[in-house]
Each structure stands twice: as structure tokens, then as C-alpha cells.
């Protein structure tokens, strides 16, 4: 029987992710620092998008000016002014536009253009064409693009990108944006009032800002300048109040999804448990028997008992499909105890049919949890006594789906079983939880080589493992059985290695009790 190693299911992964999300949303609702981090993330995302929009505006404007330059006479007459006004009117990227001719004349779409900027002008030159300029009261940073054309220079103030909604809805005195480069600092927001609130003084410079308050974000702009935001705690408080309904809605949704998942799992588990218990009660879980052959003598020496679930419609469900569910739902113990009694009853029928004690052992698979159950001793003793069968007819084969939690109790049970004459075997050695220490502590008399090694028996790695196990078994004086044998070549290789006890489809498939009676391998 192939052992499926335990793995984390998709259900578990999704559930863990949902619980992590619930924890994060709960922190966002209750923690000021988490709220600040969320605000910071949103502000950085917006500022990144805002900077990209500015750069796209510059690219679009550059294309427009490439066409405009050939429609100007560069005399700053009415036709030039009309062309500039037309370009400003039809382009959403242009805030205002002006032309400085090679002869020194200046004209544009506004007559009072010089009044927009402070005197002296505070400007951060980003490159030959691009600059950030302060407005008259240094409360706004204007992105200015200049392009040299055939008859002079066209200068455009790029249309202002909207301020982040996070800041629009808060008080004017609660935040300041600075653009800094080469000792020059430009401001956005109500600079005077904001600096009083933020920095407790009417005016600040770059160094005072850094000494007074740590910015919430600071990121580069156009490789040279840096954009920095300063905010008061009130901004975070207002932000948390605005997102609280949304977070509560998200939290409710996540909790609802978790409850639905847990309910569905509980209901699914309950249904599976009910179906299995009902199958036990109605004797739909029946034993199938597969011979274990002494390949040297061509004789049967025992049988492995493999349980099958036979439904009312005649469908046969293999153990790998329901045994893990039995172990998960805690019904593996009553299933095994019923199986012990069923196998004992079948042995009694065979002995009555042949009129003598059978020389075979019938090896029943049990999980680690059952091996640790003290009631296993009483159930086994009762079955032997009730059906009047010899202890050597029953053996227990420890599967390795799960580890042994209480090795001391398992060891005590094995000692009692051995004292009764019931053998302990280790299934699928090398491909599960048990190690060779278990062989000693559980007083096992047989080990079985997992069929994954038999299937790959032609490879050097598989042969090395099989030979090592065979050598160990010889030194430890225990039997070794190879299972999953399907070809004559596999059987011959195993015999050459020294492994004589075989099990697999080459010899026989598992069969129900009715066919066991007429099995060609059944000889007494």
C-alpha cells in the first residue's frame, strides 16, 4: 500500500491567508502606527502616479510645441499671441504659456504673468528644459517647461496635478509638501499657517524642517529634486476615521468567508464521519486478502488484510480514498476494532471448513493512534477467545501515515501483543514516519519494503536501498517482505538479493473472503 505523505492543503493555505488578512485589518482599525503606514503607502502610490502624470504632460507638450513653433512669426504681434492663446486653450496640459523671442520680446496668454511668481524668483532647475518655480507667496510649486524653438524660447507652466484626496479632505494647516534641491525649498499648502501648526514657528527652512519633524514620505523627483511630505497626527486620525467604515466592511466580509469555510468543513467532516460510521454499522467496510508468497518454496505463508468500502450500489472504494478521512475524523479506531473481529470470524470459518488450525498469519493494517490505544489488547484477546483461533493467525502491520505520539504506550501494547503470540510488522519501511529504532522498541518481527522501491528496482539507488534493508534484516534476524511486485523480472532480482517473501499483482490481487476459499494459493 502506497503511503501518501501529509501535505498542506489548499484549504489550509486559504484559511491561513484569511486569518492573516483579518489580523491586518484589525490592526489597521486599532493601531495608529498601522494607520500611519497605510496612509504612507497610499500617499506614496498617489505621488508616484502624480509624478508620472507630470512627465506625460511634459511629453505631450513637447510634441505640441514642435508643431506650434512653425506657426509663429516671433514678433509677439497679435497673431503670435492668438496662436499662444489657442494652444493654451486647446491643451489641458498648459496652465499658461509665454514666448521670449531672440530679440528679447516677451508675450503670452497672460498679461500679468510676472505677478504669478515671487520676487526674486525661487527656482529649482531640474535640467536645461525643466524647472520647479515657486508662486508669489511660495505656497505652490509650479512645474515649468521651456523649449528652445526656431525664433526664441517658449515657456509653459504645466497644469497642476490634483492634490491627493487624502490631503484635500483634511485641514489646510495640517500638512506641508516641500520640493528641495541644492539649498532651495519650495512649498505646497498654506505654508504660513501649516508651518505654525506643524513646526510651532511662523517660517521654516530646510534644516529646521529636518530638525523639527520626521517626514512621512520623501521621494526623488526627476532625479535631482526630492518631494517631502510633513503631516500632523490629526491627518492620520482623520484618515483612519474615513477608512474605518471600509475596513469594517472588509473585516465583516473576511469573517463571513472564514465562517462559511469552517461551517462547510465542519459539515463536510460531519457527513464523512456519519457515512463511515454508518458503513461500519452496516458492515460495508469489508476485508480483502492478498497472499504473501514464499517465492523460493512457491508456498503461501500469510495474507495482508486490505479493507475496502463496498457501497450499496456495488462500487468498491479503495482505502487511500477514505482511510485518511477516518484518521482525521477519529473513526479509525472503531473501524480497526471491527476489522479485527471480522478477520477473526473469517479465520474461524476457514478453519471450520478445513477442520484444522491454519498455518497462515493474517496481517491487519493499524495506524499509530490505534497501536497506542490500550483497548487494542482487550479487543484482540476477546476476538481470539471468542472465535477460538490461535494468536499466530493474527498479526498487526503498522502503517506510517502518521507518527507515533506516545512511543512508550505503543511499546507497552506491543510487549503485551508479543506475549500473546501476536506479531508486529512495520509497513513501507523507508517511506514513512517509522525508523529502524521503532523496529527495536516495538519488537517487530517483519519489515516490508515499500513498492516505490520495487517499481524502480532496476536503478542503482533503489537496488542499494533494497540491499541495505536486506542486509539489516539478516543481521537483526527479522523477516523482510517486498510488496508491489508486478513482473517476473522484479521477483527474480529480489530473489537474487536474498528476499524470498513477495507480495503483489504478479501473484494475486486482493480478493474478498468468498474468493479466498477457492484461491489457488490457499493450501493447508
Protein backbone atom coordinates (compact mmCIF):
# COMPACT_ATOMS: atom_id res chain seq x y z
CA UNK A 1 0.00 0.00 0.00
CA UNK A 2 1.47 3.37 -1.01
CA UNK A 3 1.69 5.92 1.75
CA UNK A 4 0.76 9.48 0.83
CA UNK A 5 2.93 11.90 2.74
CA UNK A 6 1.00 14.62 4.59
CA UNK A 7 0.87 17.99 2.85
CA UNK A 8 -0.66 21.38 3.47
CA UNK A 9 -3.97 21.54 1.63
CA UNK A 10 -5.20 24.48 -0.42
CA UNK A 11 -7.99 24.86 2.14
CA UNK A 12 -5.42 25.35 4.92
CA UNK A 13 -3.42 27.85 2.89
CA UNK A 14 -6.52 29.92 2.08
CA UNK A 15 -7.66 29.79 5.71
CA UNK A 16 -4.25 30.96 6.97
CA UNK A 17 -4.24 33.81 4.45
CA UNK A 18 -7.74 34.86 5.54
CA UNK A 19 -6.74 34.86 9.22
CA UNK A 20 -3.67 36.94 8.38
CA UNK A 21 -5.87 39.38 6.47
CA UNK A 22 -8.28 39.58 9.41
CA UNK A 23 -5.37 40.28 11.73
CA UNK A 24 -4.04 43.01 9.47
CA UNK A 25 -7.44 44.72 9.10
CA UNK A 26 -7.94 44.53 12.86
CA UNK A 27 -4.57 46.17 13.40
CA UNK A 28 -5.45 48.87 10.88
CA UNK A 29 -8.62 49.57 12.86
CA UNK A 30 -6.96 49.68 16.26
CA UNK A 31 -3.37 50.80 15.73
CA UNK A 32 -2.31 54.37 14.98
CA UNK A 33 1.05 53.18 13.64
CA UNK A 34 -0.58 50.74 11.19
CA UNK A 35 -2.95 53.51 10.13
CA UNK A 36 0.06 55.72 9.51
CA UNK A 37 1.70 53.02 7.39
CA UNK A 38 -1.47 52.64 5.31
CA UNK A 39 -1.63 56.41 4.82
CA UNK A 40 2.03 56.43 3.84
CA UNK A 41 1.51 53.63 1.31
CA UNK A 42 -1.49 55.40 -0.25
CA UNK A 43 0.36 58.73 -0.36
CA UNK A 44 3.42 57.15 -2.00
CA UNK A 45 1.23 55.41 -4.59
CA UNK A 46 -0.57 58.64 -5.40
CA UNK A 47 2.65 60.65 -5.58
CA UNK A 48 4.20 58.11 -7.91
CA UNK A 49 1.19 58.35 -10.21
CA UNK A 50 1.19 62.15 -9.91
CA UNK A 51 4.86 62.38 -10.92
CA UNK A 52 4.24 60.12 -13.91
CA UNK A 53 1.30 62.30 -14.97
CA UNK A 54 3.55 65.37 -14.87
CA UNK A 55 6.12 63.64 -17.07
CA UNK A 56 3.43 62.56 -19.53
CA UNK A 57 2.17 66.15 -19.64
CA UNK A 58 5.67 67.34 -20.50
CA UNK A 59 5.98 64.78 -23.31
CA UNK A 60 2.61 65.78 -24.77
CA UNK A 61 3.52 69.47 -24.53
CA UNK A 62 6.85 68.89 -26.26
CA UNK A 63 5.02 67.36 -29.23
CA UNK A 64 2.61 70.30 -29.31
CA UNK A 65 5.45 72.84 -29.31
CA UNK A 66 7.20 71.05 -32.17
CA UNK A 67 4.16 71.93 -34.31
CA UNK A 68 3.47 75.34 -32.78
CA UNK A 69 6.92 76.80 -33.47
CA UNK A 70 6.28 76.87 -37.21
CA UNK A 71 3.06 78.91 -36.81
CA UNK A 72 4.77 81.84 -35.04
CA UNK A 73 6.36 84.92 -36.59
CA UNK A 74 8.39 85.62 -33.39
CA UNK A 75 7.41 89.31 -33.40
CA UNK A 76 4.99 88.99 -30.46
CA UNK A 77 2.28 90.58 -32.58
CA UNK A 78 -1.40 89.80 -32.17
CA UNK A 79 -1.15 86.73 -34.40
CA UNK A 80 1.59 85.26 -32.20
CA UNK A 81 -0.43 85.97 -29.08
CA UNK A 82 -3.50 84.37 -30.68
CA UNK A 83 -1.50 81.26 -31.55
CA UNK A 84 -0.25 81.01 -27.95
CA UNK A 85 -3.73 81.53 -26.54
CA UNK A 86 -5.15 78.92 -28.92
CA UNK A 87 -2.53 76.37 -27.84
CA UNK A 88 -3.24 77.11 -24.17
CA UNK A 89 -6.99 76.85 -24.70
CA UNK A 90 -6.97 73.52 -26.51
CA UNK A 91 -4.30 71.76 -24.40
CA UNK A 92 -5.32 70.51 -20.99
CA UNK A 93 -1.66 70.28 -20.00
CA UNK A 94 -0.92 74.02 -20.34
CA UNK A 95 -1.61 76.31 -17.42
CA UNK A 96 -0.13 79.35 -19.12
CA UNK A 97 2.30 79.93 -21.98
CA UNK A 98 4.77 82.65 -22.94
CA UNK A 99 7.22 83.35 -25.75
CA UNK A 100 10.59 85.04 -25.42
CA UNK A 101 11.93 85.92 -28.86
CA UNK A 102 15.59 86.03 -29.82
CA UNK A 103 15.23 89.83 -29.99
CA UNK A 104 14.12 89.99 -26.35
CA UNK A 105 10.37 90.50 -26.77
CA UNK A 106 8.07 88.67 -24.32
CA UNK A 107 4.41 87.83 -24.85
CA UNK A 108 1.94 85.17 -23.78
CA UNK A 109 -1.63 84.26 -22.99
CA UNK A 110 -1.50 86.35 -19.80
CA UNK A 111 -0.51 89.99 -19.47
CA UNK A 112 0.31 89.75 -15.74
CA UNK A 113 2.40 86.59 -15.94
CA UNK A 114 5.23 88.05 -13.84
CA UNK A 115 2.89 88.56 -10.89
CA UNK A 116 2.42 84.79 -10.55
CA UNK A 117 5.98 84.27 -9.30
CA UNK A 118 7.75 85.61 -6.26
CA UNK A 119 10.43 88.25 -6.48
CA UNK A 120 13.16 87.24 -6.55
CA UNK A 121 12.05 84.06 -8.28
CA UNK A 122 12.72 80.85 -6.32
CA UNK A 123 13.51 78.18 -8.87
CA UNK A 124 14.87 74.63 -8.79
CA UNK A 125 16.42 73.79 -12.15
CA UNK A 126 15.90 70.11 -12.86
CA UNK A 127 17.61 70.15 -16.27
CA UNK A 128 18.07 72.53 -19.19
CA UNK A 129 14.37 72.49 -20.03
CA UNK A 130 12.59 71.74 -16.77
CA UNK A 131 12.31 73.67 -13.51
CA UNK A 132 10.15 73.94 -10.40
CA UNK A 133 9.17 77.56 -9.65
CA UNK A 134 7.54 79.00 -6.51
CA UNK A 135 4.42 81.12 -6.90
CA UNK A 136 4.14 84.64 -5.43
CA UNK A 137 3.73 83.60 -1.77
CA UNK A 138 5.74 80.35 -2.05
CA UNK A 139 2.66 78.22 -1.26
CA UNK A 140 2.66 76.35 -4.57
CA UNK A 141 5.37 74.71 -6.69
CA UNK A 142 4.81 75.20 -10.41
CA UNK A 143 6.39 72.82 -12.91
CA UNK A 144 7.79 74.92 -15.74
CA UNK A 145 8.86 73.56 -19.13
CA UNK A 146 10.95 75.61 -21.58
CA UNK A 147 11.66 74.62 -25.16
CA UNK A 148 14.06 76.39 -27.50
CA UNK A 149 12.40 76.88 -30.87
CA UNK A 150 13.44 78.44 -34.19
CA UNK A 151 12.86 82.06 -33.11
CA UNK A 152 13.25 82.03 -29.36
CA UNK A 153 12.12 80.11 -26.27
CA UNK A 154 8.57 79.01 -25.39
CA UNK A 155 7.94 78.60 -21.66
CA UNK A 156 4.95 76.69 -20.33
CA UNK A 157 3.65 76.28 -16.82
CA UNK A 158 2.34 72.71 -16.71
CA UNK A 159 -1.22 72.39 -15.44
CA UNK A 160 -1.24 71.47 -11.77
CA UNK A 161 -1.97 67.83 -11.00
CA UNK A 162 -4.70 67.39 -8.36
CA UNK A 163 -3.65 67.09 -4.74
CA UNK A 164 -4.12 63.67 -3.18
CA UNK A 165 -7.66 63.20 -1.87
CA UNK A 166 -6.06 62.14 1.43
CA UNK A 167 -4.92 65.74 1.86
CA UNK A 168 -7.73 67.60 0.15
CA UNK A 169 -10.20 66.45 2.79
CA UNK A 170 -8.02 67.40 5.73
CA UNK A 171 -7.31 70.80 7.25
CA UNK A 172 -5.02 73.21 5.37
CA UNK A 173 -2.87 73.72 8.44
CA UNK A 174 -2.14 70.02 8.89
CA UNK A 175 0.30 69.30 6.09
CA UNK A 176 3.12 70.76 4.05
CA UNK A 177 4.77 69.48 0.85
CA UNK A 178 8.29 70.60 0.12
CA UNK A 179 10.38 70.28 -3.02
CA UNK A 180 14.05 70.55 -2.21
CA UNK A 181 17.27 70.76 -4.20
CA UNK A 182 20.61 72.50 -3.87
CA UNK A 183 19.61 74.52 -0.80
CA UNK A 184 16.31 75.74 -2.26
CA UNK A 185 12.98 74.69 -0.71
CA UNK A 186 9.61 75.24 -2.39
CA UNK A 187 6.31 74.68 -0.60
CA UNK A 188 2.79 73.47 -1.28
CA UNK A 189 -0.20 74.09 1.03
CA UNK A 190 -0.91 77.04 3.31
CA UNK A 191 2.73 77.50 4.18
CA UNK A 192 2.48 80.06 6.92
CA UNK A 193 -0.38 78.54 8.87
CA UNK A 194 0.77 74.97 8.27
CA UNK A 195 4.27 75.73 9.49
CA UNK A 196 2.86 77.27 12.65
CA UNK A 197 0.82 74.14 13.31
CA UNK A 198 3.42 71.65 12.23
CA UNK A 199 6.63 73.24 13.40
CA UNK A 200 5.48 75.72 16.07
CA UNK A 201 7.03 78.69 14.27
CA UNK A 202 5.87 81.05 11.50
CA UNK A 203 8.58 80.27 8.97
CA UNK A 204 10.95 77.39 8.46
CA UNK A 205 13.84 76.48 6.26
CA UNK A 206 15.10 73.13 5.04
CA UNK A 207 17.31 72.43 8.03
CA UNK A 208 14.64 73.49 10.53
CA UNK A 209 12.18 71.12 8.88
CA UNK A 210 14.50 68.16 9.26
CA UNK A 211 15.36 69.07 12.86
CA UNK A 212 11.72 69.55 13.89
CA UNK A 213 9.71 66.70 12.40
CA UNK A 214 10.35 63.47 10.54
CA UNK A 215 8.59 63.45 7.15
CA UNK A 216 6.04 60.78 6.36
CA UNK A 217 7.47 60.26 2.85
CA UNK A 218 10.40 61.61 0.87
CA UNK A 219 10.94 60.53 -2.71
CA UNK A 220 13.02 61.75 -5.66
CA UNK A 221 11.54 63.80 -8.48
CA UNK A 222 13.18 63.89 -11.90
CA UNK A 223 16.44 62.51 -10.45
CA UNK A 224 17.53 65.77 -8.80
CA UNK A 225 14.86 67.23 -6.53
CA UNK A 226 13.15 65.43 -3.66
CA UNK A 227 9.48 65.70 -2.72
CA UNK A 228 8.81 65.51 1.00
CA UNK A 229 5.53 65.49 2.94
CA UNK A 230 5.09 66.56 6.56
CA UNK A 231 1.80 65.91 8.34
CA UNK A 232 0.31 66.25 11.82
CA UNK A 233 -1.14 63.30 13.77
CA UNK A 234 -4.58 64.79 13.08
CA UNK A 235 -4.19 63.81 9.41
CA UNK A 236 -3.76 60.17 10.38
CA UNK A 237 -6.69 60.38 12.78
CA UNK A 238 -8.93 61.84 10.06
CA UNK A 239 -7.68 59.24 7.56
CA UNK A 240 -8.45 56.37 9.93
CA UNK A 241 -11.92 57.79 10.56
CA UNK A 242 -12.58 57.94 6.80
CA UNK A 243 -11.41 54.39 6.06
CA UNK A 244 -12.97 52.86 9.18
CA UNK A 245 -16.33 52.02 7.50
CA UNK A 246 -14.49 50.42 4.58
CA UNK A 247 -12.23 48.42 6.91
CA UNK A 248 -15.21 47.29 8.96
CA UNK A 249 -16.92 46.16 5.76
CA UNK A 250 -13.79 44.27 4.67
CA UNK A 251 -13.40 42.74 8.14
CA UNK A 252 -17.03 41.61 8.15
CA UNK A 253 -16.59 40.09 4.70
CA UNK A 254 -13.44 38.22 5.71
CA UNK A 255 -15.01 36.89 8.90
CA UNK A 256 -18.08 35.83 6.95
CA UNK A 257 -15.93 33.93 4.43
CA UNK A 258 -14.00 32.22 7.25
CA UNK A 259 -17.23 31.21 8.98
CA UNK A 260 -18.61 29.82 5.73
CA UNK A 261 -15.39 27.85 5.13
CA UNK A 262 -15.33 26.49 8.70
CA UNK A 263 -19.02 25.59 8.52
CA UNK A 264 -18.57 23.82 5.19
CA UNK A 265 -15.55 21.93 6.55
CA UNK A 266 -17.44 21.04 9.74
CA UNK A 267 -20.47 19.93 7.75
CA UNK A 268 -18.28 18.00 5.31
CA UNK A 269 -16.41 16.39 8.20
CA UNK A 270 -19.65 15.52 9.96
CA UNK A 271 -21.14 13.99 6.81
CA UNK A 272 -17.98 11.94 6.12
CA UNK A 273 -17.87 10.79 9.74
CA UNK A 274 -21.54 9.83 9.61
CA UNK A 275 -21.09 7.92 6.34
CA UNK A 276 -18.10 6.00 7.67
CA UNK A 277 -19.79 5.15 10.98
CA UNK A 278 -22.86 4.06 9.07
CA UNK A 279 -20.70 1.90 6.78
CA UNK A 280 -19.13 0.29 9.86
CA UNK A 281 -22.56 -0.39 11.34
CA UNK A 282 -23.90 -1.92 8.12
CA UNK A 283 -20.73 -3.97 7.50
CA UNK A 284 -19.93 -2.20 4.25
CA UNK A 285 -16.26 -1.98 5.22
CA UNK A 286 -15.06 -5.46 4.36
CA UNK A 287 -11.64 -7.13 4.36
CA UNK A 288 -9.89 -8.19 1.16
CA UNK A 289 -6.99 -10.63 1.34
CA UNK A 290 -3.77 -10.58 -0.68
CA UNK A 291 -1.38 -13.54 -0.41
CA UNK A 292 2.20 -13.20 0.79
CA UNK A 293 4.27 -15.81 -1.03
CA UNK A 294 7.48 -17.64 -0.17
CA UNK A 295 8.92 -17.33 -3.70
CA UNK A 296 11.62 -19.96 -3.07
CA UNK A 297 9.17 -22.66 -1.99
CA UNK A 298 6.22 -21.35 -4.03
CA UNK A 299 4.01 -21.50 -0.95
CA UNK A 300 1.66 -19.06 0.73
CA UNK A 301 2.86 -18.01 4.18
CA UNK A 302 0.28 -15.35 5.02
CA UNK A 303 -2.14 -12.71 3.87
CA UNK A 304 -2.31 -8.96 4.18
CA UNK A 305 -5.75 -7.71 5.09
CA UNK A 306 -6.73 -4.72 2.92
CA UNK A 307 -10.02 -3.06 3.76
CA UNK A 308 -12.48 -1.99 1.07
CA UNK A 309 -15.64 0.10 1.25
CA UNK A 310 -18.39 -1.66 -0.69
CA UNK A 311 -21.29 0.74 -1.31
CA UNK A 312 -24.92 -0.28 -1.75
CA UNK A 313 -24.59 0.31 -5.48
CA UNK A 314 -21.72 -2.17 -5.72
CA UNK A 315 -18.92 0.36 -6.05
CA UNK A 316 -15.66 -0.55 -4.29
CA UNK A 317 -13.79 2.37 -2.69
CA UNK A 318 -10.07 1.85 -2.07
CA UNK A 319 -8.56 2.63 1.36
CA UNK A 320 -6.41 5.54 0.18
CA UNK A 321 -9.65 7.40 -0.53
CA UNK A 322 -11.22 7.06 2.92
CA UNK A 323 -8.67 5.85 5.49
CA UNK A 324 -7.05 9.34 5.81
CA UNK A 325 -10.56 10.71 6.48
CA UNK A 326 -11.09 8.02 9.10
CA UNK A 327 -7.88 9.05 10.84
CA UNK A 328 -8.76 12.74 10.65
CA UNK A 329 -12.28 12.22 11.98
CA UNK A 330 -11.32 9.84 14.78
CA UNK A 331 -13.19 6.79 13.46
CA UNK A 332 -10.13 4.75 12.55
CA UNK A 333 -10.20 3.06 15.97
CA UNK A 334 -13.75 1.62 15.81
CA UNK A 335 -13.13 0.68 12.17
CA UNK A 336 -9.97 -1.25 13.11
CA UNK A 337 -11.60 -2.93 16.07
CA UNK A 338 -14.46 -4.13 13.86
CA UNK A 339 -11.95 -5.32 11.27
CA UNK A 340 -10.11 -7.40 13.89
CA UNK A 341 -13.36 -9.18 14.78
CA UNK A 342 -14.30 -9.66 11.12
CA UNK A 343 -10.91 -11.16 10.24
CA UNK A 344 -11.05 -13.44 13.30
CA UNK A 345 -14.52 -14.59 12.21
CA UNK A 346 -13.24 -15.31 8.67
CA UNK A 347 -10.30 -17.28 10.05
CA UNK A 348 -12.71 -19.31 12.18
CA UNK A 349 -14.84 -20.05 9.09
CA UNK A 350 -11.77 -21.22 7.15
CA UNK A 351 -10.63 -23.44 10.00
CA UNK A 352 -14.12 -24.92 10.33
CA UNK A 353 -14.15 -25.55 6.58
CA UNK A 354 -10.78 -27.31 6.60
CA UNK A 355 -11.09 -28.88 10.07
CA UNK A 356 -7.67 -27.74 11.26
CA UNK A 357 -5.76 -24.72 12.54
CA UNK A 358 -4.46 -22.58 9.70
CA UNK A 359 -0.68 -22.13 9.41
CA UNK A 360 -1.06 -18.65 7.92
CA UNK A 361 -0.94 -15.26 9.57
CA UNK A 362 -3.42 -12.55 8.58
CA UNK A 363 -1.74 -9.17 8.80
CA UNK A 364 -4.13 -6.31 9.70
CA UNK A 365 -3.08 -2.75 8.99
CA UNK A 366 -3.32 -0.46 12.01
CA UNK A 367 -2.45 3.21 12.38
CA UNK A 368 -0.23 4.72 15.06
CA UNK A 369 -3.24 6.03 17.01
CA UNK A 370 -4.75 2.54 17.25
CA UNK A 371 -1.44 0.96 18.27
CA UNK A 372 -1.30 3.43 21.18
CA UNK A 373 -4.84 2.60 22.34
CA UNK A 374 -4.81 0.32 25.44
CA UNK A 375 -8.18 -1.10 24.35
CA UNK A 376 -6.43 -2.79 21.40
CA UNK A 377 -5.17 -5.50 23.78
CA UNK A 378 -8.64 -6.31 25.12
CA UNK A 379 -10.23 -6.29 21.64
CA UNK A 380 -7.58 -8.66 20.28
CA UNK A 381 -7.73 -11.02 23.26
CA UNK A 382 -11.53 -11.07 23.10
CA UNK A 383 -11.55 -11.84 19.34
CA UNK A 384 -9.04 -14.69 19.76
CA UNK A 385 -11.04 -16.18 22.60
CA UNK A 386 -14.47 -15.72 21.01
CA UNK A 387 -13.57 -17.37 17.70
CA UNK A 388 -11.14 -19.89 19.21
CA UNK A 389 -8.25 -19.05 16.89
CA UNK A 390 -4.52 -19.23 17.57
CA UNK A 391 -2.60 -15.97 18.24
CA UNK A 392 -0.19 -16.70 15.38
CA UNK A 393 -3.09 -16.29 12.92
CA UNK A 394 -3.30 -12.56 13.73
CA UNK A 395 -0.57 -10.02 13.02
CA UNK A 396 -0.61 -6.23 13.08
CA UNK A 397 1.08 -4.21 10.37
CA UNK A 398 1.87 -0.66 11.45
CA UNK A 399 1.22 1.81 8.65
CA UNK A 400 3.19 5.04 8.50
CA UNK A 401 0.64 7.69 7.63
CA UNK A 402 1.26 9.49 10.92
CA UNK A 403 3.97 9.43 13.59
CA UNK A 404 3.67 7.66 16.93
CA UNK A 405 2.93 10.33 19.52
CA UNK A 406 3.24 8.14 22.60
CA UNK A 407 6.00 5.64 21.86
CA UNK A 408 6.00 4.42 25.49
CA UNK A 409 2.34 3.34 25.35
CA UNK A 410 2.82 1.81 21.91
CA UNK A 411 5.81 -0.13 23.27
CA UNK A 412 3.75 -1.45 26.19
CA UNK A 413 0.98 -2.58 23.86
CA UNK A 414 3.47 -4.34 21.58
CA UNK A 415 5.02 -6.15 24.53
CA UNK A 416 1.60 -7.44 25.56
CA UNK A 417 0.73 -8.47 21.99
CA UNK A 418 4.03 -10.30 21.59
CA UNK A 419 3.42 -12.05 24.90
CA UNK A 420 0.07 -13.22 23.50
CA UNK A 421 1.81 -14.51 20.35
CA UNK A 422 0.61 -11.73 18.01
CA UNK A 423 3.34 -10.47 15.70
CA UNK A 424 4.09 -6.80 14.90
CA UNK A 425 5.22 -5.83 11.40
CA UNK A 426 6.41 -2.49 10.03
CA UNK A 427 4.84 -1.49 6.72
CA UNK A 428 6.56 0.56 3.98
CA UNK A 429 9.89 0.95 5.76
CA UNK A 430 11.89 3.81 4.25
CA UNK A 431 8.86 5.74 3.02
CA UNK A 432 7.11 6.97 6.14
CA UNK A 433 7.39 8.11 9.74
CA UNK A 434 8.81 4.98 11.39
CA UNK A 435 12.54 4.48 11.61
CA UNK A 436 14.62 1.45 12.47
CA UNK A 437 14.52 2.44 16.16
CA UNK A 438 10.81 1.56 16.03
CA UNK A 439 11.78 -1.94 14.96
CA UNK A 440 13.61 -2.42 18.23
CA UNK A 441 11.19 -0.65 20.57
CA UNK A 442 8.05 -2.20 19.06
CA UNK A 443 9.65 -5.67 18.86
CA UNK A 444 8.65 -6.01 15.22
CA UNK A 445 9.34 -9.35 13.57
CA UNK A 446 8.95 -8.25 9.95
CA UNK A 447 9.66 -5.22 7.80
CA UNK A 448 8.10 -4.50 4.41
CA UNK A 449 9.82 -2.69 1.58
CA UNK A 450 7.61 -0.04 0.04
CA UNK A 451 6.58 -0.67 -3.57
CA UNK A 452 8.09 2.64 -4.73
CA UNK A 453 11.49 0.99 -4.40
CA UNK A 454 10.29 -2.18 -6.12
CA UNK A 455 8.90 -0.22 -9.07
CA UNK A 456 12.33 1.38 -9.53
CA UNK A 457 14.29 -1.77 -8.78
CA UNK A 458 16.36 -1.54 -11.95
CA UNK A 459 18.05 1.69 -10.80
CA UNK A 460 21.24 1.65 -8.77
CA UNK A 461 19.77 3.82 -5.99
CA UNK A 462 16.76 1.56 -5.47
CA UNK A 463 18.95 -1.56 -5.51
CA UNK A 464 21.32 -0.03 -2.96
CA UNK A 465 18.43 0.73 -0.59
CA UNK A 466 16.89 -2.72 -1.02
CA UNK A 467 20.24 -4.47 -0.48
CA UNK A 468 20.87 -2.36 2.63
CA UNK A 469 17.47 -3.27 4.06
CA UNK A 470 18.02 -6.91 3.25
CA UNK A 471 21.43 -6.89 4.98
CA UNK A 472 19.95 -5.14 8.01
CA UNK A 473 17.08 -7.65 8.21
CA UNK A 474 19.52 -10.53 8.15
CA UNK A 475 21.62 -9.01 10.94
CA UNK A 476 18.53 -8.15 13.02
CA UNK A 477 17.06 -11.61 12.36
CA UNK A 478 13.74 -10.27 11.10
CA UNK A 479 11.76 -11.23 8.03
CA UNK A 480 11.64 -8.90 5.07
CA UNK A 481 8.76 -8.73 2.62
CA UNK A 482 8.77 -6.95 -0.72
CA UNK A 483 5.38 -5.64 -1.80
CA UNK A 484 4.13 -4.26 -5.09
CA UNK A 485 5.78 -6.95 -7.27
CA UNK A 486 4.21 -6.90 -10.72
CA UNK A 487 6.76 -8.56 -13.03
CA UNK A 488 8.75 -11.76 -13.04
CA UNK A 489 11.93 -9.74 -13.54
CA UNK A 490 11.31 -7.88 -10.26
CA UNK A 491 10.74 -11.19 -8.46
CA UNK A 492 13.98 -12.67 -9.82
CA UNK A 493 16.05 -9.64 -8.85
CA UNK A 494 14.63 -9.77 -5.31
CA UNK A 495 15.43 -13.47 -5.04
CA UNK A 496 18.99 -12.78 -6.18
CA UNK A 497 19.29 -10.12 -3.44
CA UNK A 498 18.03 -12.67 -0.90
CA UNK A 499 14.44 -11.51 -0.38
CA UNK A 500 12.17 -14.53 -0.64
CA UNK A 501 8.84 -13.23 0.72
CA UNK A 502 6.88 -11.49 -2.02
CA UNK A 503 3.52 -9.75 -2.37
CA UNK A 504 1.97 -8.16 -5.43
CA UNK A 505 -0.19 -8.47 -8.52
CA UNK A 506 2.31 -10.90 -10.06
CA UNK A 507 0.98 -13.49 -7.64
CA UNK A 508 -2.54 -12.32 -6.84
CA UNK A 509 -4.75 -9.27 -6.46
CA UNK A 510 -6.56 -8.65 -3.16
CA UNK A 511 -9.73 -10.75 -3.02
CA UNK A 512 -12.85 -10.87 -0.84
CA UNK A 513 -13.46 -13.75 1.53
CA UNK A 514 -15.72 -15.65 -0.89
CA UNK A 515 -12.92 -15.89 -3.44
CA UNK A 516 -10.29 -16.65 -0.81
CA UNK A 517 -11.84 -20.04 -0.15
CA UNK A 518 -11.14 -21.15 -3.73
CA UNK A 519 -7.82 -19.31 -4.11
CA UNK A 520 -5.14 -21.46 -5.76
CA UNK A 521 -2.60 -20.15 -3.25
CA UNK A 522 -4.70 -21.29 -0.29
CA UNK A 523 -3.26 -24.65 0.66
CA UNK A 524 -3.44 -26.26 4.07
